[in-house]
């Protein structure tokens, strides 16, 4: 079956402007253009649009989607299996949050007693899963499964107060790092204070601290594009600055 751009837009729940833009950036082109200049989409384009919308639902940028679907190794079935796994993960996250909200409502009504630990379990579990998804393979290869599993278990065991402290400390580190970076000296008192705060932050997750492990992590902040982007989003060059400051701190 073939569709005009208006028909496909209505079928997919997107605007015709979106479809024209996808064509413009060579993400999704029509099967053909009719003699009167109208775009015509076939079954292959319909299926591809579905894949694109799956990826968009998962929050993936268009340039990444384009790289995936234009790859010579692209396989629709494998892609669907990946979508399914990601959606199941999101479903589990939502179910945890729903259960947490339901328990909170019941506790507010006096129907049950909810511990402070329970109030934050869903958020902590999601943080662990997000870290595993982004960095799990690398940190497990570097530090080993036992170390990472112990760190995750320590995270889940945090009290409400300790959990809030980690969040506040993380913000303090970023703010202090930016201020120290603007001074430009990794050996300065401000920069070394950031390093001490960073060690304190690690204490919430690591069972055992060592200067060697701290330095290895600092190098990862420079070598891994994802970590580097996190710190360079504070200010361009912060990842290298923090690594250099920690090299001094850990001497």
C-alpha atoms as a PDB file:
ATOM      1  CA  UNK A   1       0.000   0.000   0.000  1.00  0.00           C
ATOM      2  CA  UNK A   2       1.180   3.511  -0.770  1.00  0.00           C
ATOM      3  CA  UNK A   3       0.556   6.723   1.140  1.00  0.00           C
ATOM      4  CA  UNK A   4       0.722  10.403   0.407  1.00  0.00           C
ATOM      5  CA  UNK A   5       2.645  12.554   2.876  1.00  0.00           C
ATOM      6  CA  UNK A   6      -0.627  13.679   4.476  1.00  0.00           C
ATOM      7  CA  UNK A   7      -1.871  10.123   4.822  1.00  0.00           C
ATOM      8  CA  UNK A   8       1.376   8.859   6.326  1.00  0.00           C
ATOM      9  CA  UNK A   9       1.598  11.800   8.717  1.00  0.00           C
ATOM     10  CA  UNK A  10      -1.928  11.093   9.973  1.00  0.00           C
ATOM     11  CA  UNK A  11      -1.238   7.356  10.226  1.00  0.00           C
ATOM     12  CA  UNK A  12       1.977   7.829  12.209  1.00  0.00           C
ATOM     13  CA  UNK A  13       0.793  10.733  14.339  1.00  0.00           C
ATOM     14  CA  UNK A  14       3.462  13.127  13.137  1.00  0.00           C
ATOM     15  CA  UNK A  15       3.289  16.339  11.152  1.00  0.00           C
ATOM     16  CA  UNK A  16       3.905  16.633   7.433  1.00  0.00           C
ATOM     17  CA  UNK A  17       6.582  19.160   8.366  1.00  0.00           C
ATOM     18  CA  UNK A  18       8.401  16.387  10.276  1.00  0.00           C
ATOM     19  CA  UNK A  19       8.291  14.072   7.262  1.00  0.00           C
ATOM     20  CA  UNK A  20       9.590  16.820   4.987  1.00  0.00           C
ATOM     21  CA  UNK A  21      12.426  17.485   7.409  1.00  0.00           C
ATOM     22  CA  UNK A  22      13.294  13.779   7.552  1.00  0.00           C
ATOM     23  CA  UNK A  23      13.487  13.847   3.769  1.00  0.00           C
ATOM     24  CA  UNK A  24      15.601  17.003   3.841  1.00  0.00           C
ATOM     25  CA  UNK A  25      18.194  15.456   6.172  1.00  0.00           C
ATOM     26  CA  UNK A  26      18.067  12.166   4.230  1.00  0.00           C
ATOM     27  CA  UNK A  27      16.696  10.216   7.147  1.00  0.00           C
ATOM     28  CA  UNK A  28      13.503   9.097   5.427  1.00  0.00           C
ATOM     29  CA  UNK A  29      12.901   9.784   1.746  1.00  0.00           C
ATOM     30  CA  UNK A  30       9.697   8.912  -0.137  1.00  0.00           C
ATOM     31  CA  UNK A  31       9.559   5.871  -2.359  1.00  0.00           C
ATOM     32  CA  UNK A  32       8.976   8.126  -5.325  1.00  0.00           C
ATOM     33  CA  UNK A  33       7.639  11.501  -6.342  1.00  0.00           C
ATOM     34  CA  UNK A  34       4.479  11.522  -8.435  1.00  0.00           C
ATOM     35  CA  UNK A  35       4.136  13.367 -11.732  1.00  0.00           C
ATOM     36  CA  UNK A  36       2.452  16.254  -9.948  1.00  0.00           C
ATOM     37  CA  UNK A  37       5.341  16.525  -7.480  1.00  0.00           C
ATOM     38  CA  UNK A  38       3.736  14.823  -4.452  1.00  0.00           C
ATOM     39  CA  UNK A  39       5.740  12.515  -2.193  1.00  0.00           C
ATOM     40  CA  UNK A  40       4.605   8.887  -2.227  1.00  0.00           C
ATOM     41  CA  UNK A  41       5.611   6.453   0.548  1.00  0.00           C
ATOM     42  CA  UNK A  42       5.573   2.665   0.291  1.00  0.00           C
ATOM     43  CA  UNK A  43       5.693  -0.191   2.805  1.00  0.00           C
ATOM     44  CA  UNK A  44       9.462  -0.002   3.229  1.00  0.00           C
ATOM     45  CA  UNK A  45       9.219   3.668   4.156  1.00  0.00           C
ATOM     46  CA  UNK A  46       6.361   2.961   6.580  1.00  0.00           C
ATOM     47  CA  UNK A  47       8.425   0.303   8.371  1.00  0.00           C
ATOM     48  CA  UNK A  48      11.470   2.560   8.470  1.00  0.00           C
ATOM     49  CA  UNK A  49       9.424   5.429   9.920  1.00  0.00           C
ATOM     50  CA  UNK A  50       8.231   3.100  12.655  1.00  0.00           C
ATOM     51  CA  UNK A  51      11.860   2.308  13.512  1.00  0.00           C
ATOM     52  CA  UNK A  52      12.769   5.992  13.540  1.00  0.00           C
ATOM     53  CA  UNK A  53       9.895   6.800  15.880  1.00  0.00           C
ATOM     54  CA  UNK A  54      10.933   3.943  18.172  1.00  0.00           C
ATOM     55  CA  UNK A  55      14.398   5.450  18.428  1.00  0.00           C
ATOM     56  CA  UNK A  56      12.970   8.931  18.959  1.00  0.00           C
ATOM     57  CA  UNK A  57      10.777   7.611  21.771  1.00  0.00           C
ATOM     58  CA  UNK A  58      13.942   6.350  23.444  1.00  0.00           C
ATOM     59  CA  UNK A  59      15.420   9.850  23.250  1.00  0.00           C
ATOM     60  CA  UNK A  60      18.012   9.217  20.556  1.00  0.00           C
ATOM     61  CA  UNK A  61      19.167  12.220  18.456  1.00  0.00           C
ATOM     62  CA  UNK A  62      18.368  12.169  14.742  1.00  0.00           C
ATOM     63  CA  UNK A  63      22.010  12.072  13.660  1.00  0.00           C
ATOM     64  CA  UNK A  64      22.552   8.888  15.692  1.00  0.00           C
ATOM     65  CA  UNK A  65      19.390   7.338  14.257  1.00  0.00           C
ATOM     66  CA  UNK A  66      20.612   8.134  10.761  1.00  0.00           C
ATOM     67  CA  UNK A  67      23.962   6.484  11.435  1.00  0.00           C
ATOM     68  CA  UNK A  68      22.227   3.346  12.688  1.00  0.00           C
ATOM     69  CA  UNK A  69      19.698   2.866   9.924  1.00  0.00           C
ATOM     70  CA  UNK A  70      22.173   3.748   7.178  1.00  0.00           C
ATOM     71  CA  UNK A  71      24.764   1.265   8.440  1.00  0.00           C
ATOM     72  CA  UNK A  72      25.467  -1.700   6.198  1.00  0.00           C
ATOM     73  CA  UNK A  73      25.045  -3.928   9.283  1.00  0.00           C
ATOM     74  CA  UNK A  74      21.576  -2.573  10.058  1.00  0.00           C
ATOM     75  CA  UNK A  75      19.034  -5.334  10.626  1.00  0.00           C
ATOM     76  CA  UNK A  76      15.375  -4.538  11.302  1.00  0.00           C
ATOM     77  CA  UNK A  77      14.725  -7.615  13.483  1.00  0.00           C
ATOM     78  CA  UNK A  78      17.797  -7.004  15.619  1.00  0.00           C
ATOM     79  CA  UNK A  79      16.756  -3.382  15.931  1.00  0.00           C
ATOM     80  CA  UNK A  80      13.273  -4.378  17.078  1.00  0.00           C
ATOM     81  CA  UNK A  81      14.744  -6.727  19.665  1.00  0.00           C
ATOM     82  CA  UNK A  82      16.850  -3.836  20.954  1.00  0.00           C
ATOM     83  CA  UNK A  83      13.755  -1.608  21.091  1.00  0.00           C
ATOM     84  CA  UNK A  84      11.907  -4.289  23.030  1.00  0.00           C
ATOM     85  CA  UNK A  85      14.688  -4.635  25.601  1.00  0.00           C
ATOM     86  CA  UNK A  86      14.838  -0.859  26.081  1.00  0.00           C
ATOM     87  CA  UNK A  87      11.057  -0.584  26.437  1.00  0.00           C
ATOM     88  CA  UNK A  88      10.973  -3.400  28.993  1.00  0.00           C
ATOM     89  CA  UNK A  89      13.628  -1.534  30.949  1.00  0.00           C
ATOM     90  CA  UNK A  90      11.531   1.633  30.858  1.00  0.00           C
ATOM     91  CA  UNK A  91       8.497  -0.395  31.904  1.00  0.00           C
ATOM     92  CA  UNK A  92      10.365  -1.736  34.934  1.00  0.00           C
ATOM     93  CA  UNK A  93      11.426   1.785  35.834  1.00  0.00           C
ATOM     94  CA  UNK A  94       7.855   3.055  35.602  1.00  0.00           C
ATOM     95  CA  UNK A  95       6.536   0.120  37.626  1.00  0.00           C
ATOM     96  CA  UNK A  96       9.038   0.883  40.388  1.00  0.00           C
ATOM     97  CA  UNK A  97       8.062   4.543  40.425  1.00  0.00           C
ATOM     98  CA  UNK A  98       4.340   3.704  40.383  1.00  0.00           C
ATOM     99  CA  UNK A  99       4.803   1.313  43.304  1.00  0.00           C
ATOM    100  CA  UNK A 100       6.787   3.950  45.174  1.00  0.00           C
ATOM    101  CA  UNK A 101       4.115   6.607  44.604  1.00  0.00           C
ATOM    102  CA  UNK A 102       1.341   4.194  45.646  1.00  0.00           C
ATOM    103  CA  UNK A 103       3.194   3.344  48.863  1.00  0.00           C
ATOM    104  CA  UNK A 104       3.807   7.044  49.526  1.00  0.00           C
ATOM    105  CA  UNK A 105       0.085   7.801  49.125  1.00  0.00           C
ATOM    106  CA  UNK A 106      -0.819   4.928  51.425  1.00  0.00           C
ATOM    107  CA  UNK A 107       1.745   6.123  53.978  1.00  0.00           C
ATOM    108  CA  UNK A 108       0.358   9.667  53.771  1.00  0.00           C
ATOM    109  CA  UNK A 109      -3.107   8.299  54.565  1.00  0.00           C
ATOM    110  CA  UNK A 110      -1.743   6.401  57.537  1.00  0.00           C
ATOM    111  CA  UNK A 111      -2.552   3.034  55.971  1.00  0.00           C
ATOM    112  CA  UNK A 112       1.063   1.806  56.058  1.00  0.00           C
ATOM    113  CA  UNK A 113       4.401   2.847  57.495  1.00  0.00           C
ATOM    114  CA  UNK A 114       7.049   3.677  54.908  1.00  0.00           C
ATOM    115  CA  UNK A 115      10.674   3.854  55.957  1.00  0.00           C
ATOM    116  CA  UNK A 116      12.958   6.603  54.712  1.00  0.00           C
ATOM    117  CA  UNK A 117      14.983   3.938  52.915  1.00  0.00           C
ATOM    118  CA  UNK A 118      11.924   2.777  50.974  1.00  0.00           C
ATOM    119  CA  UNK A 119      11.175   6.328  49.851  1.00  0.00           C
ATOM    120  CA  UNK A 120      14.397   6.487  47.861  1.00  0.00           C
ATOM    121  CA  UNK A 121      14.852   2.889  46.674  1.00  0.00           C
ATOM    122  CA  UNK A 122      13.312   3.512  43.259  1.00  0.00           C
ATOM    123  CA  UNK A 123      15.535   6.517  42.569  1.00  0.00           C
ATOM    124  CA  UNK A 124      18.685   4.742  43.724  1.00  0.00           C
ATOM    125  CA  UNK A 125      17.927   1.665  41.641  1.00  0.00           C
ATOM    126  CA  UNK A 126      17.405   3.823  38.572  1.00  0.00           C
ATOM    127  CA  UNK A 127      20.691   5.609  39.169  1.00  0.00           C
ATOM    128  CA  UNK A 128      22.492   2.260  39.319  1.00  0.00           C
ATOM    129  CA  UNK A 129      20.821   1.040  36.138  1.00  0.00           C
ATOM    130  CA  UNK A 130      21.643   4.274  34.306  1.00  0.00           C
ATOM    131  CA  UNK A 131      25.296   4.006  35.356  1.00  0.00           C
ATOM    132  CA  UNK A 132      25.423   0.360  34.299  1.00  0.00           C
ATOM    133  CA  UNK A 133      23.930   1.196  30.931  1.00  0.00           C
ATOM    134  CA  UNK A 134      26.336   4.058  30.248  1.00  0.00           C
ATOM    135  CA  UNK A 135      29.545   2.887  31.871  1.00  0.00           C
ATOM    136  CA  UNK A 136      29.009  -0.675  33.110  1.00  0.00           C
ATOM    137  CA  UNK A 137      31.156  -2.499  30.579  1.00  0.00           C
ATOM    138  CA  UNK A 138      34.130  -0.177  31.025  1.00  0.00           C
ATOM    139  CA  UNK A 139      34.125   0.025  34.816  1.00  0.00           C
ATOM    140  CA  UNK A 140      33.603  -3.731  35.193  1.00  0.00           C
ATOM    141  CA  UNK A 141      36.528  -4.392  32.884  1.00  0.00           C
ATOM    142  CA  UNK A 142      38.691  -1.892  34.794  1.00  0.00           C
ATOM    143  CA  UNK A 143      37.726  -2.689  38.392  1.00  0.00           C
ATOM    144  CA  UNK A 144      36.110  -6.132  38.165  1.00  0.00           C
ATOM    145  CA  UNK A 145      32.570  -7.378  38.810  1.00  0.00           C
ATOM    146  CA  UNK A 146      33.079  -7.833  42.548  1.00  0.00           C
ATOM    147  CA  UNK A 147      34.088  -4.206  43.077  1.00  0.00           C
ATOM    148  CA  UNK A 148      31.240  -2.820  40.966  1.00  0.00           C
ATOM    149  CA  UNK A 149      28.647  -5.114  42.564  1.00  0.00           C
ATOM    150  CA  UNK A 150      29.843  -4.076  46.019  1.00  0.00           C
ATOM    151  CA  UNK A 151      29.593  -0.417  45.015  1.00  0.00           C
ATOM    152  CA  UNK A 152      26.043  -0.917  43.749  1.00  0.00           C
ATOM    153  CA  UNK A 153      25.080  -2.699  46.948  1.00  0.00           C
ATOM    154  CA  UNK A 154      26.526   0.155  49.008  1.00  0.00           C
ATOM    155  CA  UNK A 155      24.523   2.629  46.938  1.00  0.00           C
ATOM    156  CA  UNK A 156      21.284   0.717  47.568  1.00  0.00           C
ATOM    157  CA  UNK A 157      22.070   0.691  51.286  1.00  0.00           C
ATOM    158  CA  UNK A 158      22.365   4.471  51.560  1.00  0.00           C
ATOM    159  CA  UNK A 159      20.019   6.117  54.005  1.00  0.00           C
ATOM    160  CA  UNK A 160      17.785   8.936  52.812  1.00  0.00           C
ATOM    161  CA  UNK A 161      20.129  11.433  54.438  1.00  0.00           C
ATOM    162  CA  UNK A 162      23.210   9.915  52.822  1.00  0.00           C
ATOM    163  CA  UNK A 163      21.516   9.771  49.444  1.00  0.00           C
ATOM    164  CA  UNK A 164      20.618  13.448  49.625  1.00  0.00           C
ATOM    165  CA  UNK A 165      24.172  14.174  50.746  1.00  0.00           C
ATOM    166  CA  UNK A 166      25.614  12.542  47.633  1.00  0.00           C
ATOM    167  CA  UNK A 167      23.402  14.690  45.423  1.00  0.00           C
ATOM    168  CA  UNK A 168      24.327  17.888  47.253  1.00  0.00           C
ATOM    169  CA  UNK A 169      28.015  16.946  47.265  1.00  0.00           C
ATOM    170  CA  UNK A 170      27.959  16.283  43.528  1.00  0.00           C
ATOM    171  CA  UNK A 171      26.574  19.776  42.886  1.00  0.00           C
ATOM    172  CA  UNK A 172      29.152  21.275  45.248  1.00  0.00           C
ATOM    173  CA  UNK A 173      31.973  19.520  43.400  1.00  0.00           C
ATOM    174  CA  UNK A 174      30.813  20.827  40.039  1.00  0.00           C
ATOM    175  CA  UNK A 175      30.436  24.385  41.285  1.00  0.00           C
ATOM    176  CA  UNK A 176      33.806  24.307  43.051  1.00  0.00           C
ATOM    177  CA  UNK A 177      35.473  22.727  40.028  1.00  0.00           C
ATOM    178  CA  UNK A 178      34.255  25.507  37.769  1.00  0.00           C
ATOM    179  CA  UNK A 179      35.553  28.158  40.174  1.00  0.00           C
ATOM    180  CA  UNK A 180      38.932  26.423  40.508  1.00  0.00           C
ATOM    181  CA  UNK A 181      39.188  25.936  36.746  1.00  0.00           C
ATOM    182  CA  UNK A 182      38.676  29.645  36.201  1.00  0.00           C
ATOM    183  CA  UNK A 183      41.752  30.254  38.369  1.00  0.00           C
ATOM    184  CA  UNK A 184      43.707  28.008  36.003  1.00  0.00           C
ATOM    185  CA  UNK A 185      46.000  26.300  38.528  1.00  0.00           C
ATOM    186  CA  UNK A 186      45.402  22.591  39.317  1.00  0.00           C
ATOM    187  CA  UNK A 187      47.788  22.873  42.289  1.00  0.00           C
ATOM    188  CA  UNK A 188      45.826  25.737  43.872  1.00  0.00           C
ATOM    189  CA  UNK A 189      44.082  25.375  47.199  1.00  0.00           C
ATOM    190  CA  UNK A 190      40.720  25.634  45.428  1.00  0.00           C
ATOM    191  CA  UNK A 191      41.578  22.803  43.022  1.00  0.00           C
ATOM    192  CA  UNK A 192      42.902  20.574  45.790  1.00  0.00           C
ATOM    193  CA  UNK A 193      39.764  21.206  47.812  1.00  0.00           C
ATOM    194  CA  UNK A 194      37.772  19.900  44.837  1.00  0.00           C
ATOM    195  CA  UNK A 195      39.897  16.743  44.894  1.00  0.00           C
ATOM    196  CA  UNK A 196      39.201  16.248  48.594  1.00  0.00           C
ATOM    197  CA  UNK A 197      35.474  16.678  47.948  1.00  0.00           C
ATOM    198  CA  UNK A 198      35.715  14.181  45.111  1.00  0.00           C
ATOM    199  CA  UNK A 199      37.357  11.637  47.432  1.00  0.00           C
ATOM    200  CA  UNK A 200      34.578  12.259  49.938  1.00  0.00           C
ATOM    201  CA  UNK A 201      31.994  11.668  47.202  1.00  0.00           C
ATOM    202  CA  UNK A 202      33.655   8.400  46.196  1.00  0.00           C
ATOM    203  CA  UNK A 203      33.388   7.267  49.796  1.00  0.00           C
ATOM    204  CA  UNK A 204      29.631   6.982  49.339  1.00  0.00           C
ATOM    205  CA  UNK A 205      30.157   4.332  46.658  1.00  0.00           C
ATOM    206  CA  UNK A 206      33.543   2.681  47.179  1.00  0.00           C
ATOM    207  CA  UNK A 207      34.159   0.195  49.975  1.00  0.00           C
ATOM    208  CA  UNK A 208      37.907   0.762  49.800  1.00  0.00           C
ATOM    209  CA  UNK A 209      39.706   3.894  48.651  1.00  0.00           C
ATOM    210  CA  UNK A 210      43.142   3.944  47.035  1.00  0.00           C
ATOM    211  CA  UNK A 211      45.068   6.713  45.339  1.00  0.00           C
ATOM    212  CA  UNK A 212      45.811   4.384  42.432  1.00  0.00           C
ATOM    213  CA  UNK A 213      42.117   3.721  41.783  1.00  0.00           C
ATOM    214  CA  UNK A 214      41.339   7.424  42.119  1.00  0.00           C
ATOM    215  CA  UNK A 215      43.998   8.298  39.555  1.00  0.00           C
ATOM    216  CA  UNK A 216      42.735   5.588  37.208  1.00  0.00           C
ATOM    217  CA  UNK A 217      39.228   7.028  37.447  1.00  0.00           C
ATOM    218  CA  UNK A 218      40.573  10.520  36.799  1.00  0.00           C
ATOM    219  CA  UNK A 219      42.244   9.326  33.603  1.00  0.00           C
ATOM    220  CA  UNK A 220      38.966   7.739  32.531  1.00  0.00           C
ATOM    221  CA  UNK A 221      37.351  11.163  32.830  1.00  0.00           C
ATOM    222  CA  UNK A 222      39.725  12.308  30.077  1.00  0.00           C
ATOM    223  CA  UNK A 223      39.838   9.185  27.903  1.00  0.00           C
ATOM    224  CA  UNK A 224      36.137   8.290  27.833  1.00  0.00           C
ATOM    225  CA  UNK A 225      34.122  10.743  25.689  1.00  0.00           C
ATOM    226  CA  UNK A 226      31.030  10.367  27.883  1.00  0.00           C
ATOM    227  CA  UNK A 227      32.825  11.254  31.117  1.00  0.00           C
ATOM    228  CA  UNK A 228      34.798  13.970  29.345  1.00  0.00           C
ATOM    229  CA  UNK A 229      31.595  15.555  28.047  1.00  0.00           C
ATOM    230  CA  UNK A 230      30.076  15.554  31.545  1.00  0.00           C
ATOM    231  CA  UNK A 231      32.956  17.596  32.966  1.00  0.00           C
ATOM    232  CA  UNK A 232      33.581  19.695  29.871  1.00  0.00           C
ATOM    233  CA  UNK A 233      29.929  20.725  29.954  1.00  0.00           C
ATOM    234  CA  UNK A 234      30.807  22.507  33.203  1.00  0.00           C
ATOM    235  CA  UNK A 235      33.537  24.374  31.335  1.00  0.00           C
ATOM    236  CA  UNK A 236      35.571  23.302  28.334  1.00  0.00           C
ATOM    237  CA  UNK A 237      38.760  21.699  29.645  1.00  0.00           C
ATOM    238  CA  UNK A 238      37.453  20.763  33.109  1.00  0.00           C
ATOM    239  CA  UNK A 239      38.017  17.029  32.586  1.00  0.00           C
ATOM    240  CA  UNK A 240      41.745  17.503  31.958  1.00  0.00           C
ATOM    241  CA  UNK A 241      41.973  20.090  34.748  1.00  0.00           C
ATOM    242  CA  UNK A 242      40.409  17.690  37.261  1.00  0.00           C
ATOM    243  CA  UNK A 243      42.731  14.886  36.146  1.00  0.00           C
ATOM    244  CA  UNK A 244      45.759  17.153  36.560  1.00  0.00           C
ATOM    245  CA  UNK A 245      44.577  18.328  39.974  1.00  0.00           C
ATOM    246  CA  UNK A 246      44.052  14.723  41.130  1.00  0.00           C
ATOM    247  CA  UNK A 247      47.533  13.764  39.953  1.00  0.00           C
ATOM    248  CA  UNK A 248      48.868  16.338  42.390  1.00  0.00           C
ATOM    249  CA  UNK A 249      46.398  15.392  45.123  1.00  0.00           C
ATOM    250  CA  UNK A 250      47.247  11.684  44.946  1.00  0.00           C
ATOM    251  CA  UNK A 251      51.033  12.081  45.072  1.00  0.00           C
END
